[in-house]
Amino acid sequence: MKFKVVVVDDDEDTRDYITMALETWEHERFSFDIELADDALKALDILHNLPVDILIADLKMPIMRGDQMIDVLRSNEGINQDVPILIISGYPEICIDKLQNEGYENIFFVDKPFALAAFHRKVTFAAGFAMKKRKKNKQDGLPKAAEG
């Protein structure tokens, strides 16, 4: 199954590493179509216009932090309002409590630097939620993010 993924991080090396971690993962059930954004506003533009299965986001970014981007995404109705999110950060304490207190669902945290096995495990969790979302969208007649 192919998943549409948006990766947002202001650090190009991190975006490249995440892309490599997804593209070279030899998972028998998953493959990925990846969109990249170097800030939260660009990611929100993609998320506003394109059905997405998984969002992978940094927390500390210029212009708008990752937790602020999630607030905007979750508080506005749209095709990706409930997209599963992997937050990757060396500073997860910045927003873990805030996001959990907001009642946001389908948010997973990965500490930087991360081991590939831990990252892949969280992607697998997010993919499970994405598959449930696809099934519900199909029943509701809504568009899906990726073919596969």
N, C-alpha and C. Protein backbone atom coordinates (compact mmCIF):
# COMPACT_ATOMS: atom_id res chain seq x y z
N MET A 1 0.85 -1.17 0.00
CA MET A 1 0.00 0.00 0.00
C MET A 1 0.90 1.24 0.00
N LYS A 2 0.54 2.18 -0.84
CA LYS A 2 1.32 3.42 -0.93
C LYS A 2 0.66 4.50 -0.08
N PHE A 3 1.51 5.20 0.70
CA PHE A 3 1.04 6.27 1.57
C PHE A 3 1.62 7.60 1.12
N LYS A 4 0.76 8.62 1.11
CA LYS A 4 1.19 9.99 0.83
C LYS A 4 1.66 10.60 2.15
N VAL A 5 2.91 11.06 2.19
CA VAL A 5 3.52 11.58 3.40
C VAL A 5 4.03 12.99 3.14
N VAL A 6 3.76 13.89 4.07
CA VAL A 6 4.37 15.22 4.05
C VAL A 6 5.40 15.28 5.18
N VAL A 7 6.62 15.67 4.82
CA VAL A 7 7.70 15.84 5.79
C VAL A 7 8.01 17.32 5.87
N VAL A 8 7.88 17.89 7.08
CA VAL A 8 8.16 19.31 7.27
C VAL A 8 9.22 19.48 8.36
N ASP A 9 10.33 20.07 7.95
CA ASP A 9 11.44 20.35 8.86
C ASP A 9 12.27 21.45 8.23
N ASP A 10 12.71 22.41 9.02
CA ASP A 10 13.50 23.50 8.48
C ASP A 10 14.94 23.09 8.17
N ASP A 11 15.35 21.91 8.65
CA ASP A 11 16.71 21.43 8.41
C ASP A 11 16.72 20.47 7.22
N GLU A 12 17.42 20.86 6.16
CA GLU A 12 17.45 20.05 4.94
C GLU A 12 18.02 18.65 5.18
N ASP A 13 19.07 18.55 6.01
CA ASP A 13 19.65 17.24 6.29
C ASP A 13 18.64 16.31 6.97
N THR A 14 17.84 16.86 7.86
CA THR A 14 16.82 16.04 8.52
C THR A 14 15.75 15.60 7.52
N ARG A 15 15.30 16.51 6.67
CA ARG A 15 14.32 16.13 5.63
C ARG A 15 14.89 15.02 4.75
N ASP A 16 16.16 15.17 4.37
CA ASP A 16 16.79 14.15 3.52
C ASP A 16 16.89 12.81 4.25
N TYR A 17 17.24 12.84 5.53
CA TYR A 17 17.37 11.61 6.31
C TYR A 17 16.02 10.90 6.46
N ILE A 18 14.99 11.66 6.75
CA ILE A 18 13.65 11.07 6.88
C ILE A 18 13.20 10.47 5.55
N THR A 19 13.46 11.21 4.46
CA THR A 19 13.12 10.70 3.13
C THR A 19 13.84 9.39 2.86
N MET A 20 15.13 9.35 3.16
CA MET A 20 15.91 8.13 2.97
C MET A 20 15.37 7.00 3.85
N ALA A 21 15.03 7.32 5.09
CA ALA A 21 14.52 6.30 6.01
C ALA A 21 13.22 5.69 5.50
N LEU A 22 12.40 6.48 4.83
CA LEU A 22 11.14 5.96 4.28
C LEU A 22 11.37 5.23 2.95
N GLU A 23 12.16 5.82 2.08
CA GLU A 23 12.35 5.24 0.74
C GLU A 23 13.14 3.93 0.75
N THR A 24 14.04 3.77 1.70
CA THR A 24 14.88 2.56 1.72
C THR A 24 14.33 1.49 2.66
N TRP A 25 13.23 1.78 3.31
CA TRP A 25 12.63 0.81 4.22
C TRP A 25 11.99 -0.29 3.40
N GLU A 26 12.46 -1.48 3.57
CA GLU A 26 11.94 -2.61 2.80
C GLU A 26 10.81 -3.27 3.56
N HIS A 27 9.71 -2.58 3.61
CA HIS A 27 8.53 -3.09 4.30
C HIS A 27 7.65 -3.80 3.27
N GLU A 28 7.18 -4.97 3.63
CA GLU A 28 6.39 -5.76 2.68
C GLU A 28 5.04 -5.16 2.36
N ARG A 29 4.55 -4.23 3.17
CA ARG A 29 3.21 -3.69 2.96
C ARG A 29 3.18 -2.20 2.62
N PHE A 30 4.26 -1.47 2.85
CA PHE A 30 4.22 -0.03 2.71
C PHE A 30 5.21 0.49 1.67
N SER A 31 4.79 1.52 0.96
CA SER A 31 5.69 2.37 0.19
C SER A 31 5.18 3.80 0.36
N PHE A 32 5.98 4.77 -0.06
CA PHE A 32 5.66 6.15 0.28
C PHE A 32 5.85 7.08 -0.90
N ASP A 33 4.92 8.01 -1.04
CA ASP A 33 5.02 9.13 -1.96
C ASP A 33 5.21 10.35 -1.05
N ILE A 34 6.36 11.02 -1.17
CA ILE A 34 6.76 12.01 -0.16
C ILE A 34 6.75 13.42 -0.74
N GLU A 35 6.13 14.33 -0.01
CA GLU A 35 6.17 15.77 -0.29
C GLU A 35 7.00 16.42 0.81
N LEU A 36 7.86 17.37 0.45
CA LEU A 36 8.72 18.02 1.42
C LEU A 36 8.34 19.49 1.58
N ALA A 37 8.47 19.98 2.81
CA ALA A 37 8.26 21.40 3.09
C ALA A 37 9.32 21.83 4.10
N ASP A 38 9.84 23.05 3.92
CA ASP A 38 10.88 23.52 4.84
C ASP A 38 10.35 24.46 5.92
N ASP A 39 9.05 24.67 5.94
CA ASP A 39 8.44 25.41 7.05
C ASP A 39 6.96 25.03 7.16
N ALA A 40 6.38 25.38 8.29
CA ALA A 40 5.01 24.96 8.59
C ALA A 40 3.98 25.59 7.64
N LEU A 41 4.21 26.82 7.22
CA LEU A 41 3.25 27.47 6.31
C LEU A 41 3.19 26.75 4.96
N LYS A 42 4.35 26.32 4.46
CA LYS A 42 4.37 25.56 3.21
C LYS A 42 3.69 24.22 3.40
N ALA A 43 3.91 23.60 4.54
CA ALA A 43 3.25 22.32 4.83
C ALA A 43 1.74 22.50 4.89
N LEU A 44 1.28 23.56 5.55
CA LEU A 44 -0.17 23.81 5.63
C LEU A 44 -0.77 24.03 4.25
N ASP A 45 -0.03 24.68 3.36
CA ASP A 45 -0.50 24.87 2.00
C ASP A 45 -0.69 23.52 1.30
N ILE A 46 0.27 22.63 1.45
CA ILE A 46 0.15 21.28 0.88
C ILE A 46 -1.04 20.57 1.51
N LEU A 47 -1.13 20.63 2.83
CA LEU A 47 -2.19 19.92 3.55
C LEU A 47 -3.58 20.47 3.24
N HIS A 48 -3.65 21.72 2.87
CA HIS A 48 -4.94 22.32 2.50
C HIS A 48 -5.42 21.82 1.14
N ASN A 49 -4.47 21.47 0.27
CA ASN A 49 -4.81 21.17 -1.11
C ASN A 49 -4.70 19.70 -1.53
N LEU A 50 -4.10 18.87 -0.69
CA LEU A 50 -3.79 17.50 -1.11
C LEU A 50 -4.11 16.51 0.00
N PRO A 51 -4.90 15.48 -0.29
CA PRO A 51 -5.14 14.46 0.74
C PRO A 51 -3.82 13.78 1.12
N VAL A 52 -3.56 13.65 2.41
CA VAL A 52 -2.31 13.11 2.92
C VAL A 52 -2.62 12.01 3.92
N ASP A 53 -1.76 10.98 3.94
CA ASP A 53 -1.94 9.87 4.88
C ASP A 53 -1.21 10.10 6.19
N ILE A 54 0.00 10.66 6.13
CA ILE A 54 0.83 10.84 7.33
C ILE A 54 1.57 12.17 7.21
N LEU A 55 1.62 12.91 8.31
CA LEU A 55 2.41 14.13 8.41
C LEU A 55 3.56 13.86 9.38
N ILE A 56 4.78 14.16 8.95
CA ILE A 56 5.96 14.06 9.81
C ILE A 56 6.50 15.46 9.98
N ALA A 57 6.56 15.94 11.23
CA ALA A 57 6.87 17.35 11.46
C ALA A 57 7.86 17.55 12.59
N ASP A 58 8.72 18.54 12.41
CA ASP A 58 9.60 19.02 13.46
C ASP A 58 8.79 19.95 14.36
N LEU A 59 9.28 20.17 15.57
CA LEU A 59 8.62 21.12 16.48
C LEU A 59 9.20 22.52 16.35
N LYS A 60 10.50 22.62 16.46
CA LYS A 60 11.14 23.94 16.47
C LYS A 60 11.50 24.36 15.05
N MET A 61 10.69 25.26 14.52
CA MET A 61 10.92 25.79 13.18
C MET A 61 10.66 27.29 13.21
N PRO A 62 11.33 28.02 12.32
CA PRO A 62 11.03 29.46 12.24
C PRO A 62 9.65 29.68 11.64
N ILE A 63 9.15 30.86 11.74
CA ILE A 63 7.86 31.31 11.23
C ILE A 63 6.71 30.75 12.08
N MET A 64 6.61 29.41 12.16
CA MET A 64 5.55 28.77 12.93
C MET A 64 6.08 27.45 13.46
N ARG A 65 5.93 27.24 14.77
CA ARG A 65 6.37 25.97 15.38
C ARG A 65 5.44 24.83 14.94
N GLY A 66 5.95 23.61 15.08
CA GLY A 66 5.17 22.44 14.72
C GLY A 66 3.87 22.31 15.50
N ASP A 67 3.91 22.61 16.80
CA ASP A 67 2.68 22.50 17.60
C ASP A 67 1.65 23.55 17.16
N GLN A 68 2.10 24.72 16.73
CA GLN A 68 1.18 25.73 16.23
C GLN A 68 0.56 25.29 14.91
N MET A 69 1.36 24.65 14.06
CA MET A 69 0.86 24.11 12.80
C MET A 69 -0.22 23.06 13.07
N ILE A 70 0.03 22.21 14.06
CA ILE A 70 -0.95 21.18 14.41
C ILE A 70 -2.23 21.82 14.92
N ASP A 71 -2.11 22.88 15.73
CA ASP A 71 -3.30 23.60 16.20
C ASP A 71 -4.14 24.09 15.01
N VAL A 72 -3.48 24.69 14.03
CA VAL A 72 -4.19 25.19 12.85
C VAL A 72 -4.84 24.03 12.10
N LEU A 73 -4.09 22.97 11.88
CA LEU A 73 -4.59 21.82 11.14
C LEU A 73 -5.78 21.16 11.83
N ARG A 74 -5.66 20.93 13.13
CA ARG A 74 -6.72 20.22 13.86
C ARG A 74 -7.95 21.10 14.11
N SER A 75 -7.78 22.42 14.16
CA SER A 75 -8.91 23.28 14.50
C SER A 75 -9.70 23.75 13.27
N ASN A 76 -9.24 23.42 12.07
CA ASN A 76 -9.94 23.81 10.85
C ASN A 76 -10.38 22.57 10.10
N GLU A 77 -11.68 22.52 9.78
CA GLU A 77 -12.17 21.37 9.03
C GLU A 77 -11.50 21.32 7.68
N GLY A 78 -11.19 20.12 7.26
CA GLY A 78 -10.57 19.93 5.96
C GLY A 78 -10.19 18.48 5.77
N ILE A 79 -9.66 18.18 4.60
CA ILE A 79 -9.37 16.80 4.24
C ILE A 79 -8.31 16.16 5.12
N ASN A 80 -7.47 16.96 5.77
CA ASN A 80 -6.40 16.41 6.59
C ASN A 80 -6.51 16.79 8.06
N GLN A 81 -7.68 17.17 8.49
CA GLN A 81 -7.86 17.61 9.88
C GLN A 81 -7.44 16.54 10.88
N ASP A 82 -7.66 15.28 10.53
CA ASP A 82 -7.35 14.21 11.47
C ASP A 82 -6.21 13.30 11.00
N VAL A 83 -5.35 13.83 10.13
CA VAL A 83 -4.22 13.05 9.62
C VAL A 83 -3.32 12.60 10.79
N PRO A 84 -2.84 11.35 10.77
CA PRO A 84 -1.87 10.93 11.79
C PRO A 84 -0.58 11.74 11.66
N ILE A 85 0.00 12.11 12.81
CA ILE A 85 1.18 12.98 12.82
C ILE A 85 2.29 12.36 13.64
N LEU A 86 3.50 12.34 13.06
CA LEU A 86 4.71 11.99 13.79
C LEU A 86 5.45 13.28 14.06
N ILE A 87 5.66 13.58 15.32
CA ILE A 87 6.44 14.75 15.69
C ILE A 87 7.84 14.27 16.01
N ILE A 88 8.81 14.84 15.29
CA ILE A 88 10.20 14.46 15.49
C ILE A 88 10.93 15.69 16.01
N SER A 89 11.49 15.55 17.21
CA SER A 89 12.14 16.71 17.81
C SER A 89 13.09 16.30 18.91
N GLY A 90 14.10 17.10 19.09
CA GLY A 90 14.99 16.95 20.23
C GLY A 90 14.42 17.63 21.46
N TYR A 91 13.28 18.30 21.30
CA TYR A 91 12.66 19.05 22.39
C TYR A 91 11.18 18.70 22.54
N PRO A 92 10.83 17.43 22.69
CA PRO A 92 9.40 17.08 22.71
C PRO A 92 8.63 17.65 23.89
N GLU A 93 9.35 17.97 24.98
CA GLU A 93 8.65 18.51 26.15
C GLU A 93 7.99 19.85 25.86
N ILE A 94 8.39 20.51 24.78
CA ILE A 94 7.80 21.80 24.42
C ILE A 94 6.29 21.67 24.25
N CYS A 95 5.86 20.58 23.65
CA CYS A 95 4.44 20.54 23.33
C CYS A 95 3.72 19.25 23.67
N ILE A 96 4.40 18.24 24.16
CA ILE A 96 3.71 16.97 24.43
C ILE A 96 2.50 17.19 25.33
N ASP A 97 2.70 17.83 26.47
CA ASP A 97 1.59 18.05 27.40
C ASP A 97 0.49 18.89 26.75
N LYS A 98 0.89 19.95 26.05
CA LYS A 98 -0.08 20.83 25.41
C LYS A 98 -0.95 20.06 24.42
N LEU A 99 -0.31 19.30 23.54
CA LEU A 99 -1.06 18.58 22.52
C LEU A 99 -1.94 17.49 23.13
N GLN A 100 -1.44 16.82 24.15
CA GLN A 100 -2.24 15.79 24.79
C GLN A 100 -3.40 16.41 25.56
N ASN A 101 -3.18 17.57 26.17
CA ASN A 101 -4.26 18.25 26.89
C ASN A 101 -5.33 18.79 25.95
N GLU A 102 -4.95 19.08 24.70
CA GLU A 102 -5.92 19.56 23.71
C GLU A 102 -6.83 18.42 23.25
N GLY A 103 -6.46 17.20 23.57
CA GLY A 103 -7.26 16.05 23.17
C GLY A 103 -7.01 15.60 21.74
N TYR A 104 -5.92 16.07 21.15
CA TYR A 104 -5.60 15.67 19.79
C TYR A 104 -5.26 14.19 19.76
N GLU A 105 -5.75 13.51 18.75
CA GLU A 105 -5.52 12.08 18.62
C GLU A 105 -4.55 11.81 17.47
N ASN A 106 -4.03 10.60 17.46
CA ASN A 106 -3.17 10.13 16.38
C ASN A 106 -1.90 10.97 16.22
N ILE A 107 -1.31 11.33 17.35
CA ILE A 107 -0.04 12.05 17.35
C ILE A 107 0.98 11.17 18.05
N PHE A 108 2.10 10.97 17.36
CA PHE A 108 3.17 10.12 17.85
C PHE A 108 4.45 10.93 17.95
N PHE A 109 5.26 10.66 18.96
CA PHE A 109 6.48 11.43 19.20
C PHE A 109 7.70 10.56 18.99
N VAL A 110 8.70 11.12 18.30
CA VAL A 110 9.98 10.47 18.09
C VAL A 110 11.06 11.47 18.48
N ASP A 111 11.93 11.07 19.40
CA ASP A 111 13.03 11.95 19.83
C ASP A 111 14.14 11.97 18.79
N LYS A 112 14.73 13.16 18.58
CA LYS A 112 15.94 13.29 17.77
C LYS A 112 17.13 13.20 18.72
N PRO A 113 18.20 12.59 18.31
CA PRO A 113 18.31 11.75 17.12
C PRO A 113 17.54 10.46 17.34
N PHE A 114 17.10 9.85 16.26
CA PHE A 114 16.28 8.66 16.43
C PHE A 114 16.91 7.45 15.73
N ALA A 115 16.63 6.29 16.31
CA ALA A 115 17.04 5.03 15.70
C ALA A 115 16.00 4.68 14.64
N LEU A 116 16.46 4.11 13.54
CA LEU A 116 15.53 3.77 12.46
C LEU A 116 14.44 2.82 12.92
N ALA A 117 14.78 1.86 13.76
CA ALA A 117 13.76 0.90 14.22
C ALA A 117 12.64 1.62 14.97
N ALA A 118 12.99 2.57 15.83
CA ALA A 118 11.97 3.33 16.57
C ALA A 118 11.14 4.19 15.63
N PHE A 119 11.79 4.81 14.66
CA PHE A 119 11.09 5.63 13.67
C PHE A 119 10.12 4.76 12.86
N HIS A 120 10.59 3.64 12.38
CA HIS A 120 9.74 2.75 11.58
C HIS A 120 8.56 2.22 12.39
N ARG A 121 8.78 1.96 13.66
CA ARG A 121 7.68 1.50 14.52
C ARG A 121 6.58 2.56 14.60
N LYS A 122 6.98 3.83 14.78
CA LYS A 122 5.99 4.91 14.85
C LYS A 122 5.30 5.14 13.50
N VAL A 123 6.05 5.00 12.41
CA VAL A 123 5.44 5.12 11.08
C VAL A 123 4.40 4.01 10.90
N THR A 124 4.71 2.81 11.39
CA THR A 124 3.76 1.70 11.30
C THR A 124 2.48 2.03 12.07
N PHE A 125 2.61 2.61 13.27
CA PHE A 125 1.42 3.01 14.03
C PHE A 125 0.61 4.03 13.23
N ALA A 126 1.30 5.05 12.70
CA ALA A 126 0.61 6.09 11.94
C ALA A 126 -0.06 5.51 10.69
N ALA A 127 0.62 4.56 10.03
CA ALA A 127 0.05 3.93 8.84
C ALA A 127 -1.22 3.17 9.19
N GLY A 128 -1.24 2.53 10.36
CA GLY A 128 -2.45 1.84 10.80
C GLY A 128 -3.62 2.79 10.93
N PHE A 129 -3.39 3.95 11.52
CA PHE A 129 -4.45 4.96 11.63
C PHE A 129 -4.83 5.49 10.25
N ALA A 130 -3.83 5.64 9.37
CA ALA A 130 -4.13 6.12 8.02
C ALA A 130 -5.00 5.12 7.26
N MET A 131 -4.75 3.83 7.45
CA MET A 131 -5.58 2.82 6.79
C MET A 131 -7.03 2.88 7.30
N LYS A 132 -7.20 3.09 8.60
CA LYS A 132 -8.55 3.23 9.16
C LYS A 132 -9.24 4.46 8.57
N LYS A 133 -8.47 5.56 8.45
CA LYS A 133 -9.02 6.80 7.89
C LYS A 133 -9.44 6.58 6.43
N ARG A 134 -8.60 5.87 5.67
CA ARG A 134 -8.95 5.57 4.27
C ARG A 134 -10.24 4.79 4.17
N LYS A 135 -10.36 3.78 5.04
CA LYS A 135 -11.56 2.95 5.02
C LYS A 135 -12.80 3.80 5.31
N LYS A 136 -12.70 4.68 6.30
CA LYS A 136 -13.83 5.55 6.64
C LYS A 136 -14.12 6.52 5.50
N ASN A 137 -13.06 7.11 4.91
CA ASN A 137 -13.26 8.04 3.79
C ASN A 137 -13.92 7.34 2.61
N LYS A 138 -13.53 6.09 2.36
CA LYS A 138 -14.13 5.33 1.26
C LYS A 138 -15.62 5.14 1.51
N GLN A 139 -15.95 4.81 2.75
CA GLN A 139 -17.36 4.63 3.10
C GLN A 139 -18.14 5.95 2.96
N ASP A 140 -17.45 7.06 3.25
CA ASP A 140 -18.09 8.38 3.16
C ASP A 140 -18.01 9.01 1.77
N GLY A 141 -17.29 8.34 0.84
CA GLY A 141 -17.14 8.86 -0.52
C GLY A 141 -16.15 10.00 -0.63
N LEU A 142 -15.17 10.10 0.29
CA LEU A 142 -14.17 11.16 0.27
C LEU A 142 -12.92 10.68 -0.45
N PRO A 143 -12.06 11.62 -0.94
CA PRO A 143 -10.86 11.22 -1.67
C PRO A 143 -9.83 10.56 -0.77
N LYS A 144 -9.02 9.67 -1.37
CA LYS A 144 -7.93 9.07 -0.62
C LYS A 144 -6.63 9.74 -1.02
N ALA A 145 -5.63 9.59 -0.16
CA ALA A 145 -4.39 10.32 -0.34
C ALA A 145 -3.50 9.74 -1.42
N ALA A 146 -3.37 8.43 -1.49
CA ALA A 146 -2.45 7.82 -2.45
C ALA A 146 -3.06 6.53 -2.97
N GLU A 147 -2.70 6.17 -4.15
CA GLU A 147 -3.14 4.89 -4.72
C GLU A 147 -2.20 3.82 -4.25
N GLY A 148 -2.68 2.62 -4.08
CA GLY A 148 -1.77 1.55 -3.71
C GLY A 148 -2.46 0.30 -3.43
